[in-house]
Amino acid sequence: MRLFALELIFSLLDVRGHIPRFDDFRPAPAAPAPVGAARVLAALIAVLVGLSLAIWAAVRLAVHLF
């Protein structure tokens, strides 16, 4: 009954077409692509290096000024 009420609300609001049904999903690949994982790892390393350099520069400037 609850699902029917939810389905009725969605149909009245005309949102049903935007929510995919379970049959619309295609099976995902078993393992993620290694290229994607390598890109994420490279981006993470770049962000950490950038943050480290910014902190190092701030400390260096503070020591130099005082």
N, C-alpha and C. Protein backbone atom coordinates (compact mmCIF):
# COMPACT_ATOMS: atom_id res chain seq x y z
N MET A 1 0.82 -1.19 0.00
CA MET A 1 0.00 0.00 0.00
C MET A 1 0.86 1.26 0.00
N ARG A 2 1.97 1.22 0.77
CA ARG A 2 2.84 2.38 0.82
C ARG A 2 3.48 2.65 -0.53
N LEU A 3 3.90 1.60 -1.21
CA LEU A 3 4.52 1.78 -2.51
C LEU A 3 3.52 2.32 -3.53
N PHE A 4 2.27 1.87 -3.41
CA PHE A 4 1.25 2.39 -4.31
C PHE A 4 1.02 3.88 -4.06
N ALA A 5 1.00 4.28 -2.79
CA ALA A 5 0.81 5.70 -2.46
C ALA A 5 1.99 6.52 -2.96
N LEU A 6 3.20 6.01 -2.79
CA LEU A 6 4.38 6.71 -3.28
C LEU A 6 4.36 6.81 -4.80
N GLU A 7 3.96 5.73 -5.46
CA GLU A 7 3.84 5.74 -6.92
C GLU A 7 2.79 6.75 -7.37
N LEU A 8 1.70 6.85 -6.64
CA LEU A 8 0.65 7.80 -6.98
C LEU A 8 1.14 9.25 -6.81
N ILE A 9 1.86 9.52 -5.75
CA ILE A 9 2.40 10.87 -5.54
C ILE A 9 3.39 11.22 -6.65
N PHE A 10 4.26 10.27 -7.00
CA PHE A 10 5.22 10.52 -8.08
C PHE A 10 4.52 10.77 -9.40
N SER A 11 3.46 10.03 -9.66
CA SER A 11 2.76 10.23 -10.94
C SER A 11 2.02 11.56 -10.95
N LEU A 12 1.50 11.99 -9.80
CA LEU A 12 0.82 13.28 -9.74
C LEU A 12 1.80 14.44 -9.89
N LEU A 13 3.00 14.27 -9.35
CA LEU A 13 4.02 15.32 -9.46
C LEU A 13 4.79 15.22 -10.76
N ASP A 14 4.53 14.18 -11.54
CA ASP A 14 5.17 13.96 -12.83
C ASP A 14 6.68 13.80 -12.69
N VAL A 15 7.09 13.07 -11.65
CA VAL A 15 8.51 12.80 -11.45
C VAL A 15 8.85 11.36 -11.75
N ARG A 16 7.89 10.56 -12.05
CA ARG A 16 8.15 9.14 -12.23
C ARG A 16 9.10 8.89 -13.39
N GLY A 17 9.06 9.71 -14.43
CA GLY A 17 9.92 9.49 -15.57
C GLY A 17 11.38 9.76 -15.27
N HIS A 18 11.67 10.48 -14.20
CA HIS A 18 13.05 10.83 -13.88
C HIS A 18 13.70 9.81 -12.95
N ILE A 19 12.91 8.91 -12.39
CA ILE A 19 13.44 7.92 -11.47
C ILE A 19 13.49 6.59 -12.22
N PRO A 20 14.68 6.03 -12.42
CA PRO A 20 14.77 4.79 -13.19
C PRO A 20 14.22 3.62 -12.39
N ARG A 21 13.63 2.70 -13.09
CA ARG A 21 13.16 1.48 -12.45
C ARG A 21 14.33 0.52 -12.33
N PHE A 22 14.13 -0.55 -11.58
CA PHE A 22 15.21 -1.51 -11.37
C PHE A 22 15.63 -2.17 -12.68
N ASP A 23 14.69 -2.34 -13.60
CA ASP A 23 15.00 -2.98 -14.88
C ASP A 23 15.87 -2.11 -15.76
N ASP A 24 15.89 -0.80 -15.50
CA ASP A 24 16.65 0.11 -16.35
C ASP A 24 18.15 0.08 -16.07
N PHE A 25 18.55 -0.47 -14.92
CA PHE A 25 19.96 -0.49 -14.57
C PHE A 25 20.68 -1.59 -15.33
N ARG A 26 21.82 -1.27 -15.84
CA ARG A 26 22.64 -2.26 -16.52
C ARG A 26 23.69 -2.77 -15.53
N PRO A 27 24.12 -4.02 -15.68
CA PRO A 27 25.11 -4.53 -14.73
C PRO A 27 26.43 -3.76 -14.83
N ALA A 28 27.00 -3.46 -13.71
CA ALA A 28 28.26 -2.73 -13.67
C ALA A 28 29.42 -3.69 -13.93
N PRO A 29 30.53 -3.17 -14.41
CA PRO A 29 31.68 -4.04 -14.59
C PRO A 29 32.16 -4.60 -13.26
N ALA A 30 32.77 -5.76 -13.30
CA ALA A 30 33.17 -6.45 -12.07
C ALA A 30 34.25 -5.67 -11.33
N ALA A 31 35.22 -5.11 -12.05
CA ALA A 31 36.30 -4.37 -11.41
C ALA A 31 36.40 -2.99 -12.05
N PRO A 32 36.71 -1.97 -11.26
CA PRO A 32 36.86 -0.64 -11.84
C PRO A 32 38.08 -0.58 -12.76
N ALA A 33 38.04 0.34 -13.68
CA ALA A 33 39.15 0.47 -14.62
C ALA A 33 40.40 0.96 -13.89
N PRO A 34 41.54 0.34 -14.13
CA PRO A 34 42.76 0.78 -13.44
C PRO A 34 43.19 2.19 -13.84
N VAL A 35 42.80 2.64 -15.03
CA VAL A 35 43.15 3.99 -15.45
C VAL A 35 42.46 5.02 -14.57
N GLY A 36 41.20 4.77 -14.24
CA GLY A 36 40.46 5.68 -13.36
C GLY A 36 41.07 5.74 -11.98
N ALA A 37 41.49 4.60 -11.45
CA ALA A 37 42.11 4.57 -10.13
C ALA A 37 43.45 5.30 -10.15
N ALA A 38 44.18 5.16 -11.23
CA ALA A 38 45.47 5.84 -11.34
C ALA A 38 45.28 7.36 -11.41
N ARG A 39 44.24 7.80 -12.12
CA ARG A 39 43.96 9.24 -12.20
C ARG A 39 43.57 9.80 -10.83
N VAL A 40 42.77 9.06 -10.11
CA VAL A 40 42.36 9.51 -8.77
C VAL A 40 43.58 9.59 -7.85
N LEU A 41 44.44 8.59 -7.92
CA LEU A 41 45.65 8.59 -7.10
C LEU A 41 46.57 9.75 -7.48
N ALA A 42 46.71 10.02 -8.77
CA ALA A 42 47.56 11.14 -9.21
C ALA A 42 46.98 12.47 -8.75
N ALA A 43 45.67 12.63 -8.82
CA ALA A 43 45.04 13.87 -8.36
C ALA A 43 45.21 14.03 -6.85
N LEU A 44 45.09 12.96 -6.11
CA LEU A 44 45.27 13.02 -4.66
C LEU A 44 46.70 13.40 -4.31
N ILE A 45 47.65 12.84 -4.99
CA ILE A 45 49.06 13.17 -4.74
C ILE A 45 49.32 14.64 -5.08
N ALA A 46 48.76 15.12 -6.19
CA ALA A 46 48.96 16.51 -6.58
C ALA A 46 48.37 17.46 -5.54
N VAL A 47 47.21 17.14 -5.02
CA VAL A 47 46.58 17.99 -4.00
C VAL A 47 47.41 18.00 -2.72
N LEU A 48 47.89 16.83 -2.30
CA LEU A 48 48.70 16.77 -1.08
C LEU A 48 50.02 17.50 -1.25
N VAL A 49 50.64 17.40 -2.41
CA VAL A 49 51.89 18.14 -2.65
C VAL A 49 51.63 19.64 -2.63
N GLY A 50 50.53 20.07 -3.25
CA GLY A 50 50.20 21.49 -3.25
C GLY A 50 49.94 22.02 -1.85
N LEU A 51 49.21 21.27 -1.05
CA LEU A 51 48.96 21.69 0.33
C LEU A 51 50.26 21.72 1.14
N SER A 52 51.11 20.74 0.95
CA SER A 52 52.38 20.71 1.66
C SER A 52 53.25 21.91 1.30
N LEU A 53 53.31 22.24 0.02
CA LEU A 53 54.09 23.40 -0.41
C LEU A 53 53.51 24.71 0.13
N ALA A 54 52.20 24.81 0.18
CA ALA A 54 51.58 26.03 0.72
C ALA A 54 51.88 26.18 2.21
N ILE A 55 51.82 25.09 2.96
CA ILE A 55 52.13 25.16 4.39
C ILE A 55 53.61 25.48 4.59
N TRP A 56 54.47 24.83 3.80
CA TRP A 56 55.90 25.10 3.91
C TRP A 56 56.20 26.57 3.60
N ALA A 57 55.58 27.13 2.57
CA ALA A 57 55.81 28.53 2.21
C ALA A 57 55.31 29.47 3.30
N ALA A 58 54.18 29.16 3.91
CA ALA A 58 53.65 30.01 4.99
C ALA A 58 54.57 29.99 6.20
N VAL A 59 55.07 28.83 6.57
CA VAL A 59 55.99 28.73 7.71
C VAL A 59 57.30 29.44 7.39
N ARG A 60 57.80 29.24 6.19
CA ARG A 60 59.06 29.89 5.78
C ARG A 60 58.93 31.42 5.82
N LEU A 61 57.79 31.92 5.34
CA LEU A 61 57.55 33.37 5.35
C LEU A 61 57.42 33.88 6.78
N ALA A 62 56.73 33.13 7.64
CA ALA A 62 56.57 33.54 9.03
C ALA A 62 57.91 33.56 9.76
N VAL A 63 58.76 32.57 9.53
CA VAL A 63 60.07 32.55 10.15
C VAL A 63 60.92 33.69 9.64
N HIS A 64 60.83 33.97 8.39
CA HIS A 64 61.62 35.06 7.78
C HIS A 64 61.19 36.44 8.30
N LEU A 65 59.89 36.62 8.53
CA LEU A 65 59.38 37.92 8.97
C LEU A 65 59.67 38.17 10.45
N PHE A 66 59.73 37.11 11.25
CA PHE A 66 59.96 37.31 12.69
C PHE A 66 61.32 36.86 13.01
